[in-house]
Amino acid sequence: MDEESPGGHPVTTTSKLQTLTLAEDLTITRMGYGAMQLAGPGVLGPPKDRDQAIAVLREAADLGLTHIDTSDFYGPAVVNELIKEALHPYPEGLHIVTKVGARRDDKGAWIPSLDPADLKAQVHENLQHLGLETLDVVNLRTAALEAGSTDSIAEQFGALAELRRQGLIRHLGLSGVSDAQLTEAQGIAPVVTVQNLYNLAKRTDDAMVDRCAAENIAYAAFFPLGGFSPLQSQTLGDVAERLGATRQQVALAWLLQRSPSMVLIPGTSSPAHLRENIAAADLTLPADAIAELDAIGK
């Protein structure tokens, strides 16, 4: 059944998963899959169980997820190569969202890398390791910049916009950005997604969530269970027990109900956990549960 959300977003209800249309050629399931955990410990090196990593990716696609979040600095390169091995040639309608803006040193440390020339090099590395000629969505990761910063990202975002004009990227997004930086980026090229920290306990990005809904920008919330105090965790646990769901499922369901343009990218290396996460898309939280959960962030 097709319907229009309060923000004017086309939303399609399938047997399990809602989808969000961000552009004529970009419709994604609101429940996605974050591939970061497929790498080894510390998001470095190969997975402990390569066969299981491949199986998780294939099951994600088989279950109807059309939104996979990744980056070439996961591994590095390991995760993108796993995605290629598992899913290439990619199913029609599957969209891979990747990020640039960091590299890893030999000890696995995350090193900001926002030089425009290197951003372009990172795009080419993603293309190579994913086996693609064009990337569906590339997020500029600006997490190295102070939260809420108004520092300009024009040079960095402009470098990616140039690759978009060349046909190497279809759509652009941002990760770890402020309101001012989003506005600046939009003056250079369209932005289809923002990927920032947001969850039940950490809601400093409320205004950005609402802005994205109003402007038909996907808001990809990461760290869905981060920052809870014991009391808050108890509230979440009580609601989950009452609904016969897990804490993770309730937290994910709350995010989906928080905004019509919210998209989720929970990660796992376990097929069972993947199915559990997807089931959260079917969990409708009643008003009393929403009220209890909303109080966590106050």
Protein backbone atom coordinates (compact mmCIF):
# COMPACT_ATOMS: atom_id res chain seq x y z
CA MET A 1 0.00 0.00 0.00
CA ASP A 2 1.38 3.39 -0.95
CA GLU A 3 0.84 6.39 1.31
CA GLU A 4 2.33 9.81 1.87
CA SER A 5 4.01 10.61 5.14
CA PRO A 6 3.46 13.87 7.03
CA GLY A 7 6.71 15.19 5.54
CA GLY A 8 5.47 14.55 2.02
CA HIS A 9 7.67 11.47 1.54
CA PRO A 10 6.42 8.59 -0.60
CA VAL A 11 6.28 5.59 1.73
CA THR A 12 5.50 2.10 0.49
CA THR A 13 4.43 -0.61 2.90
CA THR A 14 5.59 -4.10 1.94
CA SER A 15 5.00 -7.33 3.83
CA LYS A 16 7.66 -6.23 6.30
CA LEU A 17 9.60 -3.20 5.20
CA GLN A 18 8.75 0.38 4.42
CA THR A 19 10.70 2.17 1.72
CA LEU A 20 11.68 5.79 1.33
CA THR A 21 12.03 7.48 -2.06
CA LEU A 22 14.76 10.11 -2.06
CA ALA A 23 15.19 10.61 -5.80
CA GLU A 24 13.77 9.21 -9.00
CA ASP A 25 16.44 6.51 -9.06
CA LEU A 26 16.88 6.07 -5.31
CA THR A 27 14.33 4.18 -3.21
CA ILE A 28 15.68 2.41 -0.14
CA THR A 29 14.22 0.28 2.62
CA ARG A 30 14.05 2.30 5.82
CA MET A 31 15.54 -0.70 7.60
CA GLY A 32 19.01 -1.14 6.16
CA TYR A 33 22.12 -3.11 7.05
CA GLY A 34 25.36 -1.67 8.40
CA ALA A 35 28.26 -3.80 7.22
CA MET A 36 30.97 -2.43 9.54
CA GLN A 37 30.86 -5.40 11.94
CA LEU A 38 31.78 -7.83 9.19
CA ALA A 39 35.46 -6.93 9.58
CA GLY A 40 37.67 -8.35 12.29
CA PRO A 41 38.10 -6.97 15.83
CA GLY A 42 38.35 -3.20 15.89
CA VAL A 43 36.93 -3.12 12.34
CA LEU A 44 40.35 -4.24 11.16
CA GLY A 45 41.34 -7.23 9.09
CA PRO A 46 39.30 -10.22 7.94
CA PRO A 47 36.26 -11.62 9.74
CA LYS A 48 36.58 -14.52 12.12
CA ASP A 49 34.14 -16.50 10.00
CA ARG A 50 34.27 -15.46 6.35
CA ASP A 51 31.56 -17.88 5.26
CA GLN A 52 29.16 -16.49 7.84
CA ALA A 53 29.93 -12.92 6.76
CA ILE A 54 29.06 -13.83 3.19
CA ALA A 55 25.90 -15.59 4.39
CA VAL A 56 24.74 -12.53 6.36
CA LEU A 57 25.11 -10.27 3.35
CA ARG A 58 23.23 -12.66 1.10
CA GLU A 59 20.47 -13.10 3.65
CA ALA A 60 20.11 -9.32 4.01
CA ALA A 61 19.49 -9.07 0.28
CA ASP A 62 17.23 -12.15 0.23
CA LEU A 63 15.09 -10.68 3.03
CA GLY A 64 14.46 -7.57 0.98
CA LEU A 65 16.85 -4.99 2.41
CA THR A 66 17.86 -2.59 -0.36
CA HIS A 67 20.13 -0.33 1.70
CA ILE A 68 23.63 -1.45 2.69
CA ASP A 69 25.94 0.96 4.50
CA THR A 70 29.69 0.46 4.16
CA SER A 71 33.04 2.17 3.64
CA ASP A 72 36.42 1.25 2.27
CA PHE A 73 37.98 2.17 5.61
CA TYR A 74 36.18 -0.81 7.18
CA GLY A 75 38.93 -3.40 7.18
CA PRO A 76 40.30 -1.43 5.36
CA ALA A 77 38.84 -2.70 2.05
CA VAL A 78 37.87 -6.01 3.69
CA VAL A 79 34.16 -5.24 4.05
CA ASN A 80 33.74 -3.85 0.53
CA GLU A 81 35.47 -6.92 -0.89
CA LEU A 82 33.11 -9.15 1.11
CA ILE A 83 30.11 -7.26 -0.25
CA LYS A 84 31.41 -7.72 -3.79
CA GLU A 85 32.05 -11.43 -3.26
CA ALA A 86 28.65 -12.02 -1.71
CA LEU A 87 26.41 -9.92 -3.94
CA HIS A 88 28.08 -9.00 -7.23
CA PRO A 89 26.50 -8.72 -9.75
CA TYR A 90 24.24 -6.70 -7.48
CA PRO A 91 20.48 -7.34 -7.41
CA GLU A 92 18.34 -4.77 -9.10
CA GLY A 93 17.21 -2.13 -6.61
CA LEU A 94 20.01 -2.77 -4.11
CA HIS A 95 21.71 0.51 -3.11
CA ILE A 96 25.13 0.65 -1.49
CA VAL A 97 25.88 3.74 0.58
CA THR A 98 29.54 4.33 1.32
CA LYS A 99 31.62 6.94 3.15
CA VAL A 100 34.87 8.79 2.57
CA GLY A 101 36.84 11.09 4.83
CA ALA A 102 39.08 8.78 6.88
CA ARG A 103 41.85 6.24 6.61
CA ARG A 104 43.35 3.67 8.99
CA ASP A 105 46.91 3.39 10.19
CA ASP A 106 48.75 0.09 10.68
CA LYS A 107 47.40 -0.17 14.24
CA GLY A 108 43.82 0.42 13.16
CA ALA A 109 43.50 4.01 14.36
CA TRP A 110 40.96 6.17 12.50
CA ILE A 111 42.83 8.98 10.76
CA PRO A 112 40.78 11.88 9.35
CA SER A 113 41.57 12.36 5.67
CA LEU A 114 39.66 15.27 4.20
CA ASP A 115 42.10 16.54 1.59
CA PRO A 116 40.06 16.88 -1.63
CA ALA A 117 42.58 14.91 -3.67
CA ASP A 118 42.50 12.05 -1.21
CA LEU A 119 38.70 12.13 -1.01
CA LYS A 120 38.68 11.53 -4.76
CA ALA A 121 41.19 8.70 -4.34
CA GLN A 122 38.96 7.13 -1.68
CA VAL A 123 36.00 7.23 -4.07
CA HIS A 124 38.03 5.37 -6.69
CA GLU A 125 39.08 2.77 -4.10
CA ASN A 126 35.44 2.19 -3.14
CA LEU A 127 34.56 1.75 -6.81
CA GLN A 128 37.36 -0.75 -7.28
CA HIS A 129 36.71 -2.86 -4.21
CA LEU A 130 32.94 -2.92 -4.71
CA GLY A 131 33.26 -3.72 -8.41
CA LEU A 132 31.18 -0.73 -9.49
CA GLU A 133 31.46 1.93 -12.17
CA THR A 134 29.22 4.34 -10.26
CA LEU A 135 28.54 4.62 -6.52
CA ASP A 136 24.88 5.07 -5.56
CA VAL A 137 25.53 7.31 -2.55
CA VAL A 138 28.75 8.68 -1.06
CA ASN A 139 28.69 10.31 2.37
CA LEU A 140 31.32 12.86 3.31
CA ARG A 141 32.39 11.89 6.83
CA THR A 142 33.27 15.04 8.73
CA ALA A 143 33.37 13.52 12.20
CA ALA A 144 36.85 14.97 12.63
CA LEU A 145 35.22 18.39 12.87
CA GLU A 146 33.84 19.48 16.22
CA ALA A 147 30.17 18.65 16.73
CA GLY A 148 28.06 21.65 15.85
CA SER A 149 30.96 23.22 14.00
CA THR A 150 30.31 25.85 11.39
CA ASP A 151 33.67 25.18 9.74
CA SER A 152 33.33 25.18 5.98
CA ILE A 153 33.09 21.84 4.17
CA ALA A 154 32.74 23.49 0.76
CA GLU A 155 36.12 22.36 -0.54
CA GLN A 156 35.62 18.75 0.52
CA PHE A 157 32.00 18.48 -0.58
CA GLY A 158 32.83 20.29 -3.79
CA ALA A 159 35.39 17.62 -4.65
CA LEU A 160 32.71 14.94 -4.36
CA ALA A 161 30.25 17.07 -6.32
CA GLU A 162 32.80 17.18 -9.12
CA LEU A 163 32.89 13.37 -9.22
CA ARG A 164 29.09 13.40 -9.25
CA ARG A 165 29.15 15.60 -12.36
CA GLN A 166 31.58 13.14 -13.92
CA GLY A 167 29.15 10.27 -13.31
CA LEU A 168 31.21 8.39 -10.70
CA ILE A 169 28.68 9.17 -7.95
CA ARG A 170 24.90 9.38 -8.29
CA HIS A 171 24.00 10.98 -4.97
CA LEU A 172 25.76 12.67 -2.07
CA GLY A 173 25.29 12.59 1.67
CA LEU A 174 26.93 13.82 4.87
CA SER A 175 28.03 12.15 8.10
CA GLY A 176 28.72 13.92 11.38
CA VAL A 177 27.56 17.36 10.28
CA SER A 178 25.94 20.44 11.73
CA ASP A 179 22.93 22.32 10.47
CA ALA A 180 25.14 25.04 9.00
CA GLN A 181 27.26 22.49 7.15
CA LEU A 182 24.19 20.84 5.65
CA THR A 183 23.00 24.21 4.37
CA GLU A 184 26.43 24.93 2.91
CA ALA A 185 26.55 21.55 1.16
CA GLN A 186 23.09 22.02 -0.32
CA GLY A 187 24.35 25.15 -2.01
CA ILE A 188 26.85 22.98 -3.88
CA ALA A 189 24.87 19.82 -4.72
CA PRO A 190 21.73 18.00 -3.53
CA VAL A 191 22.05 16.05 -0.26
CA VAL A 192 19.99 12.86 0.02
CA THR A 193 21.10 11.59 3.41
CA VAL A 194 22.54 12.73 6.74
CA GLN A 195 24.19 10.17 9.02
CA ASN A 196 24.55 11.44 12.59
CA LEU A 197 24.47 10.14 16.15
CA TYR A 198 20.92 9.86 17.43
CA ASN A 199 19.09 7.45 19.70
CA LEU A 200 16.63 7.23 22.58
CA ALA A 201 19.14 8.54 25.10
CA LYS A 202 21.08 10.99 22.93
CA ARG A 203 18.77 13.44 21.16
CA THR A 204 20.81 16.57 20.71
CA ASP A 205 20.20 16.21 16.97
CA ASP A 206 16.41 16.53 17.27
CA ALA A 207 16.32 19.66 15.11
CA MET A 208 18.32 17.96 12.36
CA VAL A 209 15.99 14.95 12.43
CA ASP A 210 13.01 17.26 11.93
CA ARG A 211 14.76 19.27 9.23
CA CYS A 212 15.61 16.13 7.27
CA ALA A 213 11.98 15.00 7.45
CA ALA A 214 10.79 18.37 6.16
CA GLU A 215 13.30 18.37 3.30
CA ASN A 216 12.99 14.69 2.24
CA ILE A 217 16.49 13.82 3.36
CA ALA A 218 17.08 10.38 4.84
CA TYR A 219 18.36 10.60 8.40
CA ALA A 220 20.49 7.55 9.20
CA ALA A 221 20.81 7.27 12.97
CA PHE A 222 23.82 5.39 14.27
CA PHE A 223 24.68 4.02 17.73
CA PRO A 224 21.01 3.10 18.43
CA LEU A 225 21.68 1.77 21.96
CA GLY A 226 24.44 4.15 23.03
CA GLY A 227 24.66 6.39 26.08
CA PHE A 228 22.08 4.82 28.38
CA SER A 229 22.17 5.24 32.15
CA PRO A 230 21.12 2.22 34.25
CA LEU A 231 17.74 3.85 34.99
CA GLN A 232 17.10 4.56 31.30
CA SER A 233 18.16 1.05 30.40
CA GLN A 234 15.68 -0.30 32.95
CA THR A 235 12.88 1.71 31.33
CA LEU A 236 13.78 0.34 27.93
CA GLY A 237 13.97 -3.17 29.34
CA ASP A 238 10.57 -2.87 30.99
CA VAL A 239 8.92 -1.71 27.77
CA ALA A 240 10.61 -4.48 25.79
CA GLU A 241 9.49 -7.16 28.26
CA ARG A 242 5.92 -5.90 28.17
CA LEU A 243 5.85 -6.00 24.36
CA GLY A 244 7.59 -9.35 24.05
CA ALA A 245 10.48 -7.81 22.14
CA THR A 246 14.19 -7.23 22.70
CA ARG A 247 15.65 -3.92 23.88
CA GLN A 248 17.34 -3.52 20.50
CA GLN A 249 14.07 -4.07 18.66
CA VAL A 250 12.24 -1.50 20.77
CA ALA A 251 15.01 1.07 20.32
CA LEU A 252 14.97 0.52 16.55
CA ALA A 253 11.18 0.66 16.38
CA TRP A 254 11.17 3.92 18.35
CA LEU A 255 13.57 5.45 15.84
CA LEU A 256 11.42 4.36 12.89
CA GLN A 257 8.37 5.95 14.51
CA ARG A 258 10.28 9.10 15.47
CA SER A 259 10.49 10.44 11.91
CA PRO A 260 9.15 9.42 8.49
CA SER A 261 12.57 9.95 6.93
CA MET A 262 14.47 7.98 9.57
CA VAL A 263 16.47 5.06 8.16
CA LEU A 264 18.37 2.50 10.21
CA ILE A 265 21.63 0.69 9.56
CA PRO A 266 22.07 -1.77 12.45
CA GLY A 267 25.01 -4.07 11.97
CA THR A 268 25.64 -7.68 12.86
CA SER A 269 27.71 -10.62 11.75
CA SER A 270 25.01 -13.11 12.80
CA PRO A 271 22.14 -14.22 10.52
CA ALA A 272 19.88 -14.72 13.55
CA HIS A 273 20.60 -11.23 14.85
CA LEU A 274 19.98 -9.84 11.36
CA ARG A 275 16.50 -11.39 11.32
CA GLU A 276 15.85 -10.04 14.81
CA ASN A 277 16.77 -6.52 13.69
CA ILE A 278 14.56 -6.72 10.62
CA ALA A 279 11.64 -7.86 12.77
CA ALA A 280 11.82 -4.49 14.53
CA ALA A 281 10.34 -2.96 11.36
CA ASP A 282 7.12 -4.84 12.14
CA LEU A 283 6.97 -3.64 15.75
CA THR A 284 4.45 -0.83 16.26
CA LEU A 285 4.90 0.82 19.63
CA PRO A 286 1.66 1.81 21.41
CA ALA A 287 1.18 5.34 22.70
CA ASP A 288 1.94 4.47 26.33
CA ALA A 289 5.22 2.84 25.35
CA ILE A 290 6.16 5.85 23.22
CA ALA A 291 5.47 8.14 26.19
CA GLU A 292 7.71 6.10 28.48
CA LEU A 293 10.50 5.96 25.92
CA ASP A 294 10.24 9.65 25.07
CA ALA A 295 10.82 10.44 28.75
CA ILE A 296 14.27 8.78 28.54
CA GLY A 297 15.62 11.66 26.51
CA LYS A 298 14.27 14.43 28.75
